[in-house]
C-alpha cells in the first residue's frame, strides 16, 4: 500500500476520534411516574435518577424537629414524595451525570429547597440560592431542625 495513502487514512481516523470525543452528547431525557427512593433519588422509567444541584438527608439521619427527635431523612424524603404525588416526572441529564427533573412543570430540586428539605450545592443556579435564603428566613424544613448539639441541620448540610 502507498505510504501516503496510509498516512492520509490515519489522519482521517485521528481527526474523527478527536471530533467524536469533543462533540458533546445529547443529554438524556427520561420520563415516567417516579418512585421516590430517598430525598434526592428516584426511579423513573426503570432508571435511577439523582437530582442535581442539591444536598439533603437520607433516611436514618436523626434530628430534633419541633422539639421531637425524628428521622429528618424520612421527612425530607416525604417532601420529595409530596412534590411528585400523582405527577409524571421529566428528567434531563446534566453534564454531571445527575438530573434536573420537573413534575407538573415544577423543578423538583427547587421545590425541595423552597420547602427547606434541601440546600443548593456550589454549582446550583443563583435562583436556588435566592430561594434558600427565603426558606432559611422562614425556618422551613431542615432550617428548623437541629442535631443533638443544637446546630441547625440545613446549615450543616450546606457546609458539605
N, C-alpha and C. Protein backbone atom coordinates (compact mmCIF):
# COMPACT_ATOMS: atom_id res chain seq x y z
N UNK A 1 0.84 -1.18 0.00
CA UNK A 1 0.00 0.00 0.00
C UNK A 1 0.88 1.23 0.00
N UNK A 2 0.39 2.27 -0.57
CA UNK A 2 1.12 3.53 -0.68
C UNK A 2 1.27 4.16 0.70
N UNK A 3 2.49 4.62 1.01
CA UNK A 3 2.80 5.23 2.31
C UNK A 3 1.95 6.48 2.55
N UNK A 4 1.72 7.28 1.51
CA UNK A 4 0.90 8.50 1.65
C UNK A 4 -0.57 8.17 1.89
N UNK A 5 -1.03 7.09 1.28
CA UNK A 5 -2.42 6.67 1.47
C UNK A 5 -2.66 6.24 2.92
N UNK A 6 -1.70 5.48 3.46
CA UNK A 6 -1.81 5.04 4.86
C UNK A 6 -1.76 6.24 5.80
N UNK A 7 -0.86 7.19 5.55
CA UNK A 7 -0.76 8.40 6.38
C UNK A 7 -2.06 9.20 6.32
N UNK A 8 -2.63 9.33 5.15
CA UNK A 8 -3.89 10.06 4.99
C UNK A 8 -5.02 9.38 5.72
N UNK A 9 -5.07 8.05 5.62
CA UNK A 9 -6.09 7.28 6.32
C UNK A 9 -5.97 7.46 7.83
N UNK A 10 -4.74 7.38 8.35
CA UNK A 10 -4.52 7.55 9.79
C UNK A 10 -4.94 8.95 10.24
N UNK A 11 -4.66 9.98 9.44
CA UNK A 11 -5.04 11.34 9.77
C UNK A 11 -6.56 11.45 9.88
N UNK A 12 -7.28 10.83 8.96
CA UNK A 12 -8.75 10.85 9.00
C UNK A 12 -9.26 10.15 10.26
N UNK A 13 -8.66 9.02 10.61
CA UNK A 13 -9.08 8.29 11.81
C UNK A 13 -8.85 9.14 13.05
N UNK A 14 -7.67 9.75 13.16
CA UNK A 14 -7.35 10.58 14.32
C UNK A 14 -8.30 11.77 14.41
N UNK A 15 -8.54 12.45 13.29
CA UNK A 15 -9.45 13.60 13.31
C UNK A 15 -10.87 13.18 13.68
N UNK A 16 -11.30 12.01 13.22
CA UNK A 16 -12.62 11.51 13.56
C UNK A 16 -12.72 11.24 15.06
N UNK A 17 -11.69 10.62 15.62
CA UNK A 17 -11.69 10.34 17.05
C UNK A 17 -11.70 11.63 17.86
N UNK A 18 -10.93 12.62 17.46
CA UNK A 18 -10.89 13.90 18.17
C UNK A 18 -12.24 14.59 18.09
N UNK A 19 -12.83 14.62 16.92
CA UNK A 19 -14.13 15.27 16.73
C UNK A 19 -15.21 14.56 17.54
N UNK A 20 -15.20 13.24 17.52
CA UNK A 20 -16.19 12.47 18.26
C UNK A 20 -16.04 12.68 19.76
N UNK A 21 -14.80 12.70 20.26
CA UNK A 21 -14.57 12.86 21.69
C UNK A 21 -14.94 14.25 22.18
N UNK A 22 -14.76 15.27 21.34
CA UNK A 22 -15.03 16.64 21.77
C UNK A 22 -16.45 17.09 21.50
N UNK A 23 -17.22 16.31 20.76
CA UNK A 23 -18.60 16.66 20.47
C UNK A 23 -19.47 16.30 21.66
N UNK A 24 -20.16 17.28 22.24
CA UNK A 24 -21.00 16.95 23.39
C UNK A 24 -22.13 16.03 22.99
N UNK A 25 -22.40 15.07 23.84
CA UNK A 25 -23.50 14.15 23.58
C UNK A 25 -24.81 14.81 23.97
N UNK A 26 -25.84 14.41 23.28
CA UNK A 26 -27.16 14.92 23.61
C UNK A 26 -27.52 14.44 25.02
N UNK A 27 -28.07 15.32 25.81
CA UNK A 27 -28.45 14.96 27.17
C UNK A 27 -29.61 13.98 27.12
N UNK A 28 -29.55 12.99 27.99
CA UNK A 28 -30.60 12.00 28.06
C UNK A 28 -31.82 12.60 28.77
N UNK A 29 -32.98 12.38 28.21
CA UNK A 29 -34.22 12.80 28.84
C UNK A 29 -35.06 11.55 29.05
N UNK A 30 -35.52 11.38 30.27
CA UNK A 30 -36.40 10.25 30.57
C UNK A 30 -37.65 10.78 31.27
N UNK A 31 -38.71 10.04 31.16
CA UNK A 31 -39.95 10.48 31.81
C UNK A 31 -40.75 9.27 32.25
N UNK A 32 -41.59 9.52 33.23
CA UNK A 32 -42.46 8.46 33.74
C UNK A 32 -42.94 8.80 35.14
N UNK A 33 -43.72 7.92 35.67
CA UNK A 33 -44.21 8.08 37.05
C UNK A 33 -43.04 7.74 37.98
N UNK A 34 -42.61 8.69 38.81
CA UNK A 34 -41.45 8.44 39.66
C UNK A 34 -41.79 7.61 40.91
N UNK A 35 -40.80 6.85 41.33
CA UNK A 35 -40.86 6.16 42.62
C UNK A 35 -39.71 6.72 43.45
N UNK A 36 -40.04 7.42 44.51
CA UNK A 36 -39.03 8.10 45.34
C UNK A 36 -38.29 7.06 46.18
N UNK A 37 -36.96 7.11 46.12
CA UNK A 37 -36.11 6.22 46.91
C UNK A 37 -35.61 6.90 48.17
N UNK A 38 -35.25 8.17 48.04
CA UNK A 38 -34.85 8.99 49.18
C UNK A 38 -35.02 10.45 48.79
N UNK A 39 -34.51 11.35 49.57
CA UNK A 39 -34.78 12.78 49.35
C UNK A 39 -34.19 13.36 48.08
N UNK A 40 -33.26 12.67 47.44
CA UNK A 40 -32.65 13.19 46.21
C UNK A 40 -32.63 12.17 45.08
N UNK A 41 -33.22 11.01 45.28
CA UNK A 41 -33.11 9.93 44.30
C UNK A 41 -34.48 9.31 44.03
N UNK A 42 -34.74 9.06 42.73
CA UNK A 42 -35.99 8.44 42.30
C UNK A 42 -35.70 7.39 41.24
N UNK A 43 -36.66 6.52 41.03
CA UNK A 43 -36.65 5.63 39.88
C UNK A 43 -37.65 6.22 38.89
N UNK A 44 -37.18 6.48 37.68
CA UNK A 44 -38.04 6.99 36.62
C UNK A 44 -37.79 6.13 35.39
N UNK A 45 -38.83 5.53 34.87
CA UNK A 45 -38.72 4.66 33.70
C UNK A 45 -37.62 3.61 33.90
N UNK A 46 -37.63 2.98 35.08
CA UNK A 46 -36.67 1.92 35.45
C UNK A 46 -35.21 2.38 35.49
N UNK A 47 -35.00 3.67 35.66
CA UNK A 47 -33.64 4.21 35.75
C UNK A 47 -33.51 5.01 37.05
N UNK A 48 -32.38 4.83 37.73
CA UNK A 48 -32.12 5.60 38.94
C UNK A 48 -31.72 7.02 38.56
N UNK A 49 -32.43 7.97 39.12
CA UNK A 49 -32.23 9.39 38.81
C UNK A 49 -31.87 10.12 40.10
N UNK A 50 -30.73 10.77 40.10
CA UNK A 50 -30.27 11.56 41.27
C UNK A 50 -30.41 13.02 40.92
N UNK A 51 -31.14 13.78 41.73
CA UNK A 51 -31.34 15.20 41.47
C UNK A 51 -30.02 15.97 41.58
N UNK A 52 -29.79 16.85 40.63
CA UNK A 52 -28.57 17.66 40.60
C UNK A 52 -28.76 18.94 41.41
N UNK A 53 -27.66 19.51 41.79
CA UNK A 53 -27.58 20.84 42.40
C UNK A 53 -28.01 20.93 43.86
N UNK A 54 -28.33 19.80 44.51
CA UNK A 54 -28.78 19.90 45.90
C UNK A 54 -28.11 18.86 46.80
N UNK A 55 -28.11 19.19 48.09
CA UNK A 55 -27.76 18.25 49.15
C UNK A 55 -28.99 18.12 50.05
N UNK A 56 -29.18 16.93 50.57
CA UNK A 56 -30.25 16.71 51.54
C UNK A 56 -29.85 15.54 52.43
N UNK A 57 -30.78 15.07 53.23
CA UNK A 57 -30.52 13.96 54.14
C UNK A 57 -31.16 12.68 53.63
N UNK A 58 -30.53 11.59 53.93
CA UNK A 58 -31.08 10.27 53.61
C UNK A 58 -31.77 9.73 54.86
N UNK A 59 -32.72 8.79 54.68
CA UNK A 59 -33.34 8.16 55.85
C UNK A 59 -32.26 7.60 56.78
N UNK A 60 -32.51 7.74 58.07
CA UNK A 60 -31.53 7.33 59.08
C UNK A 60 -30.80 8.52 59.68
N UNK A 61 -31.08 9.72 59.17
CA UNK A 61 -30.44 10.95 59.66
C UNK A 61 -31.27 11.53 60.81
N UNK A 62 -30.82 11.30 62.00
CA UNK A 62 -31.56 11.72 63.19
C UNK A 62 -31.43 13.22 63.42
N UNK A 63 -32.50 13.80 63.94
CA UNK A 63 -32.50 15.23 64.25
C UNK A 63 -33.58 15.52 65.29
N UNK A 64 -33.62 16.76 65.71
CA UNK A 64 -34.70 17.23 66.57
C UNK A 64 -35.46 18.26 65.75
N UNK A 65 -36.74 18.01 65.55
CA UNK A 65 -37.58 18.89 64.75
C UNK A 65 -38.86 19.15 65.52
N UNK A 66 -39.18 20.41 65.72
CA UNK A 66 -40.35 20.80 66.50
C UNK A 66 -40.32 20.14 67.89
N UNK A 67 -39.13 20.19 68.50
CA UNK A 67 -38.89 19.67 69.85
C UNK A 67 -39.08 18.16 70.00
N UNK A 68 -39.02 17.43 68.87
CA UNK A 68 -39.17 15.98 68.92
C UNK A 68 -38.02 15.32 68.17
N UNK A 69 -37.44 14.26 68.74
CA UNK A 69 -36.42 13.53 67.99
C UNK A 69 -37.08 12.77 66.84
N UNK A 70 -36.59 13.01 65.65
CA UNK A 70 -37.16 12.39 64.45
C UNK A 70 -36.06 11.98 63.48
N UNK A 71 -36.46 11.32 62.42
CA UNK A 71 -35.56 10.99 61.32
C UNK A 71 -35.80 12.04 60.23
N UNK A 72 -34.91 13.03 60.16
CA UNK A 72 -35.10 14.11 59.19
C UNK A 72 -34.91 13.64 57.75
N UNK A 73 -34.18 12.54 57.55
CA UNK A 73 -34.07 11.98 56.21
C UNK A 73 -35.40 11.47 55.70
N UNK A 74 -36.18 10.89 56.59
CA UNK A 74 -37.52 10.42 56.23
C UNK A 74 -38.42 11.62 55.92
N UNK A 75 -38.30 12.69 56.71
CA UNK A 75 -39.10 13.89 56.45
C UNK A 75 -38.75 14.51 55.10
N UNK A 76 -37.45 14.59 54.79
CA UNK A 76 -37.02 15.15 53.51
C UNK A 76 -37.49 14.27 52.35
N UNK A 77 -37.44 12.96 52.54
CA UNK A 77 -37.93 12.03 51.51
C UNK A 77 -39.42 12.23 51.29
N UNK A 78 -40.16 12.43 52.38
CA UNK A 78 -41.60 12.69 52.27
C UNK A 78 -41.85 13.99 51.50
N UNK A 79 -40.95 14.96 51.67
CA UNK A 79 -41.07 16.21 50.92
C UNK A 79 -41.00 15.98 49.42
N UNK A 80 -40.07 15.12 48.98
CA UNK A 80 -39.98 14.81 47.55
C UNK A 80 -41.20 14.03 47.09
N UNK A 81 -41.68 13.11 47.93
CA UNK A 81 -42.88 12.35 47.58
C UNK A 81 -44.07 13.28 47.38
N UNK A 82 -44.19 14.30 48.24
CA UNK A 82 -45.27 15.28 48.09
C UNK A 82 -45.18 16.00 46.76
N UNK A 83 -43.97 16.35 46.36
CA UNK A 83 -43.78 17.11 45.11
C UNK A 83 -44.14 16.29 43.86
N UNK A 84 -43.95 14.99 43.92
CA UNK A 84 -44.20 14.17 42.72
C UNK A 84 -45.53 13.41 42.77
N UNK A 85 -46.26 13.51 43.85
CA UNK A 85 -47.50 12.74 44.01
C UNK A 85 -48.44 12.92 42.82
N UNK A 86 -48.73 11.80 42.16
CA UNK A 86 -49.67 11.80 41.06
C UNK A 86 -49.18 12.46 39.79
N UNK A 87 -47.92 12.81 39.71
CA UNK A 87 -47.41 13.53 38.54
C UNK A 87 -46.38 12.69 37.78
N UNK A 88 -46.29 12.96 36.51
CA UNK A 88 -45.25 12.36 35.67
C UNK A 88 -44.00 13.24 35.82
N UNK A 89 -42.85 12.60 35.98
CA UNK A 89 -41.59 13.35 36.06
C UNK A 89 -40.91 13.35 34.70
N UNK A 90 -40.32 14.47 34.38
CA UNK A 90 -39.49 14.60 33.18
C UNK A 90 -38.11 15.00 33.66
N UNK A 91 -37.11 14.18 33.36
CA UNK A 91 -35.76 14.38 33.87
C UNK A 91 -34.76 14.47 32.72
N UNK A 92 -33.96 15.51 32.78
CA UNK A 92 -32.93 15.73 31.76
C UNK A 92 -31.57 15.61 32.42
N UNK A 93 -30.72 14.76 31.87
CA UNK A 93 -29.40 14.54 32.44
C UNK A 93 -28.49 15.73 32.18
N UNK A 94 -27.78 16.14 33.23
CA UNK A 94 -26.82 17.24 33.12
C UNK A 94 -25.42 16.68 32.88
N UNK A 95 -24.46 17.53 32.61
CA UNK A 95 -23.10 17.09 32.36
C UNK A 95 -22.50 16.40 33.58
N UNK A 96 -23.03 16.64 34.76
CA UNK A 96 -22.56 15.99 35.99
C UNK A 96 -22.96 14.52 36.05
N UNK A 97 -23.91 14.13 35.18
CA UNK A 97 -24.46 12.77 35.23
C UNK A 97 -25.73 12.70 36.07
N UNK A 98 -25.97 13.74 36.85
CA UNK A 98 -27.20 13.84 37.64
C UNK A 98 -28.27 14.50 36.78
N UNK A 99 -29.46 14.68 37.34
CA UNK A 99 -30.60 15.13 36.54
C UNK A 99 -31.28 16.37 37.12
N UNK A 100 -31.84 17.16 36.22
CA UNK A 100 -32.79 18.20 36.57
C UNK A 100 -34.15 17.64 36.21
N UNK A 101 -35.04 17.55 37.19
CA UNK A 101 -36.34 16.92 36.97
C UNK A 101 -37.46 17.90 37.30
N UNK A 102 -38.53 17.76 36.56
CA UNK A 102 -39.74 18.52 36.84
C UNK A 102 -40.90 17.53 36.98
N UNK A 103 -41.88 17.93 37.73
CA UNK A 103 -43.13 17.18 37.83
C UNK A 103 -44.24 18.22 37.75
N UNK A 104 -45.11 18.05 36.80
CA UNK A 104 -46.15 19.06 36.59
C UNK A 104 -45.54 20.40 36.22
N UNK A 105 -44.36 20.38 35.60
CA UNK A 105 -43.69 21.62 35.20
C UNK A 105 -42.89 22.29 36.31
N UNK A 106 -42.86 21.71 37.50
CA UNK A 106 -42.20 22.30 38.66
C UNK A 106 -40.85 21.64 38.90
N UNK A 107 -39.80 22.43 39.01
CA UNK A 107 -38.44 21.94 39.26
C UNK A 107 -38.39 21.32 40.66
N UNK A 108 -38.09 20.03 40.72
CA UNK A 108 -38.13 19.31 41.99
C UNK A 108 -37.04 19.73 42.97
N UNK A 109 -35.83 19.96 42.50
CA UNK A 109 -34.75 20.41 43.39
C UNK A 109 -35.11 21.78 43.98
N UNK A 110 -35.62 22.65 43.15
CA UNK A 110 -36.05 23.98 43.59
C UNK A 110 -37.16 23.85 44.64
N UNK A 111 -38.09 22.93 44.39
CA UNK A 111 -39.19 22.70 45.33
C UNK A 111 -38.71 22.20 46.68
N UNK A 112 -37.70 21.33 46.68
CA UNK A 112 -37.15 20.84 47.95
C UNK A 112 -36.45 21.97 48.70
N UNK A 113 -35.76 22.83 47.99
CA UNK A 113 -35.12 23.99 48.61
C UNK A 113 -36.19 24.93 49.17
N UNK A 114 -37.24 25.15 48.39
CA UNK A 114 -38.34 26.02 48.80
C UNK A 114 -38.96 25.55 50.13
N UNK A 115 -39.12 24.24 50.26
CA UNK A 115 -39.73 23.69 51.47
C UNK A 115 -38.73 23.51 52.61
N UNK A 116 -37.45 23.75 52.32
CA UNK A 116 -36.42 23.62 53.34
C UNK A 116 -35.89 22.21 53.52
N UNK A 117 -36.20 21.29 52.61
CA UNK A 117 -35.75 19.90 52.73
C UNK A 117 -34.45 19.64 52.01
N UNK A 118 -33.90 20.64 51.33
CA UNK A 118 -32.61 20.51 50.65
C UNK A 118 -31.94 21.87 50.61
N UNK A 119 -30.64 21.85 50.37
CA UNK A 119 -29.87 23.09 50.19
C UNK A 119 -29.13 22.98 48.86
N UNK A 120 -28.87 24.11 48.20
CA UNK A 120 -28.17 24.05 46.92
C UNK A 120 -26.68 23.74 47.12
N UNK A 121 -26.10 23.04 46.14
CA UNK A 121 -24.66 22.83 46.17
C UNK A 121 -23.96 23.99 45.45
N UNK A 122 -22.66 23.98 45.40
CA UNK A 122 -21.90 25.12 44.87
C UNK A 122 -22.12 25.37 43.38
N UNK A 123 -22.63 24.40 42.63
CA UNK A 123 -22.84 24.58 41.19
C UNK A 123 -24.29 24.92 40.84
N UNK A 124 -25.12 25.09 41.85
CA UNK A 124 -26.55 25.35 41.62
C UNK A 124 -26.77 26.73 41.00
N UNK A 125 -27.86 26.88 40.25
CA UNK A 125 -28.22 28.19 39.70
C UNK A 125 -28.49 29.20 40.81
N UNK A 126 -28.28 30.45 40.52
CA UNK A 126 -28.46 31.53 41.50
C UNK A 126 -29.86 31.53 42.11
N UNK A 127 -30.87 31.21 41.32
CA UNK A 127 -32.25 31.22 41.84
C UNK A 127 -32.43 30.22 42.98
N UNK A 128 -31.64 29.14 42.99
CA UNK A 128 -31.71 28.17 44.08
C UNK A 128 -31.22 28.82 45.39
N UNK A 129 -30.15 29.61 45.30
CA UNK A 129 -29.61 30.27 46.50
C UNK A 129 -30.57 31.35 47.00
N UNK A 130 -31.21 32.05 46.06
CA UNK A 130 -32.22 33.05 46.45
C UNK A 130 -33.38 32.38 47.19
N UNK A 131 -33.81 31.24 46.68
CA UNK A 131 -34.90 30.50 47.32
C UNK A 131 -34.46 30.00 48.70
N UNK A 132 -33.22 29.55 48.80
CA UNK A 132 -32.71 29.07 50.09
C UNK A 132 -32.77 30.18 51.15
N UNK A 133 -32.43 31.39 50.77
CA UNK A 133 -32.46 32.50 51.73
C UNK A 133 -33.87 32.70 52.28
N UNK A 134 -34.88 32.56 51.43
CA UNK A 134 -36.27 32.70 51.88
C UNK A 134 -36.65 31.56 52.83
N UNK A 135 -36.23 30.34 52.49
CA UNK A 135 -36.54 29.18 53.35
C UNK A 135 -35.83 29.29 54.69
N UNK A 136 -34.61 29.77 54.65
CA UNK A 136 -33.83 29.94 55.88
C UNK A 136 -34.48 30.99 56.77
N UNK A 137 -34.88 32.11 56.16
CA UNK A 137 -35.52 33.19 56.92
C UNK A 137 -36.80 32.72 57.58
N UNK A 138 -37.56 31.87 56.89
CA UNK A 138 -38.83 31.36 57.41
C UNK A 138 -38.65 30.11 58.28
N UNK A 139 -37.41 29.64 58.38
CA UNK A 139 -37.08 28.43 59.15
C UNK A 139 -37.94 27.24 58.74
N UNK A 140 -37.96 26.98 57.44
CA UNK A 140 -38.73 25.86 56.91
C UNK A 140 -37.91 24.58 56.92
N UNK A 141 -38.57 23.46 57.08
CA UNK A 141 -37.93 22.16 56.96
C UNK A 141 -36.69 22.01 57.82
N UNK A 142 -35.59 21.69 57.17
CA UNK A 142 -34.33 21.44 57.88
C UNK A 142 -33.73 22.70 58.50
N UNK A 143 -34.26 23.87 58.14
CA UNK A 143 -33.79 25.12 58.76
C UNK A 143 -34.34 25.26 60.18
N UNK A 144 -35.33 24.43 60.53
CA UNK A 144 -35.84 24.46 61.91
C UNK A 144 -35.46 23.19 62.67
N UNK A 145 -34.65 22.33 62.05
CA UNK A 145 -34.21 21.09 62.69
C UNK A 145 -32.78 21.25 63.18
N UNK A 146 -32.48 20.57 64.28
CA UNK A 146 -31.12 20.64 64.84
C UNK A 146 -30.56 19.24 65.06
N UNK A 147 -29.24 19.19 65.18
CA UNK A 147 -28.60 17.94 65.58
C UNK A 147 -28.56 17.90 67.11
N UNK A 148 -28.06 16.83 67.71
CA UNK A 148 -28.04 16.76 69.18
C UNK A 148 -27.23 17.88 69.85
N UNK A 149 -26.30 18.48 69.09
CA UNK A 149 -25.51 19.60 69.64
C UNK A 149 -26.21 20.95 69.50
N UNK A 150 -27.43 20.95 68.92
CA UNK A 150 -28.17 22.19 68.77
C UNK A 150 -27.84 22.98 67.51
N UNK A 151 -27.06 22.41 66.60
CA UNK A 151 -26.71 23.11 65.35
C UNK A 151 -27.77 22.85 64.30
N UNK A 152 -28.11 23.89 63.54
CA UNK A 152 -29.13 23.77 62.50
C UNK A 152 -28.68 22.80 61.42
N UNK A 153 -29.53 21.82 61.14
CA UNK A 153 -29.20 20.76 60.19
C UNK A 153 -28.92 21.33 58.79
N UNK A 154 -29.77 22.22 58.30
CA UNK A 154 -29.58 22.76 56.95
C UNK A 154 -28.26 23.49 56.83
N UNK A 155 -27.88 24.22 57.88
CA UNK A 155 -26.60 24.92 57.85
C UNK A 155 -25.43 23.93 57.79
N UNK A 156 -25.56 22.83 58.51
CA UNK A 156 -24.51 21.80 58.48
C UNK A 156 -24.41 21.16 57.10
N UNK A 157 -25.56 20.89 56.47
CA UNK A 157 -25.57 20.29 55.15
C UNK A 157 -24.94 21.23 54.14
N UNK A 158 -25.26 22.53 54.23
CA UNK A 158 -24.75 23.49 53.25
C UNK A 158 -23.24 23.67 53.35
N UNK A 159 -22.63 23.24 54.46
CA UNK A 159 -21.18 23.28 54.59
C UNK A 159 -20.53 22.10 53.89
N UNK A 160 -21.33 21.21 53.39
CA UNK A 160 -20.90 19.95 52.72
C UNK A 160 -19.82 20.17 51.74
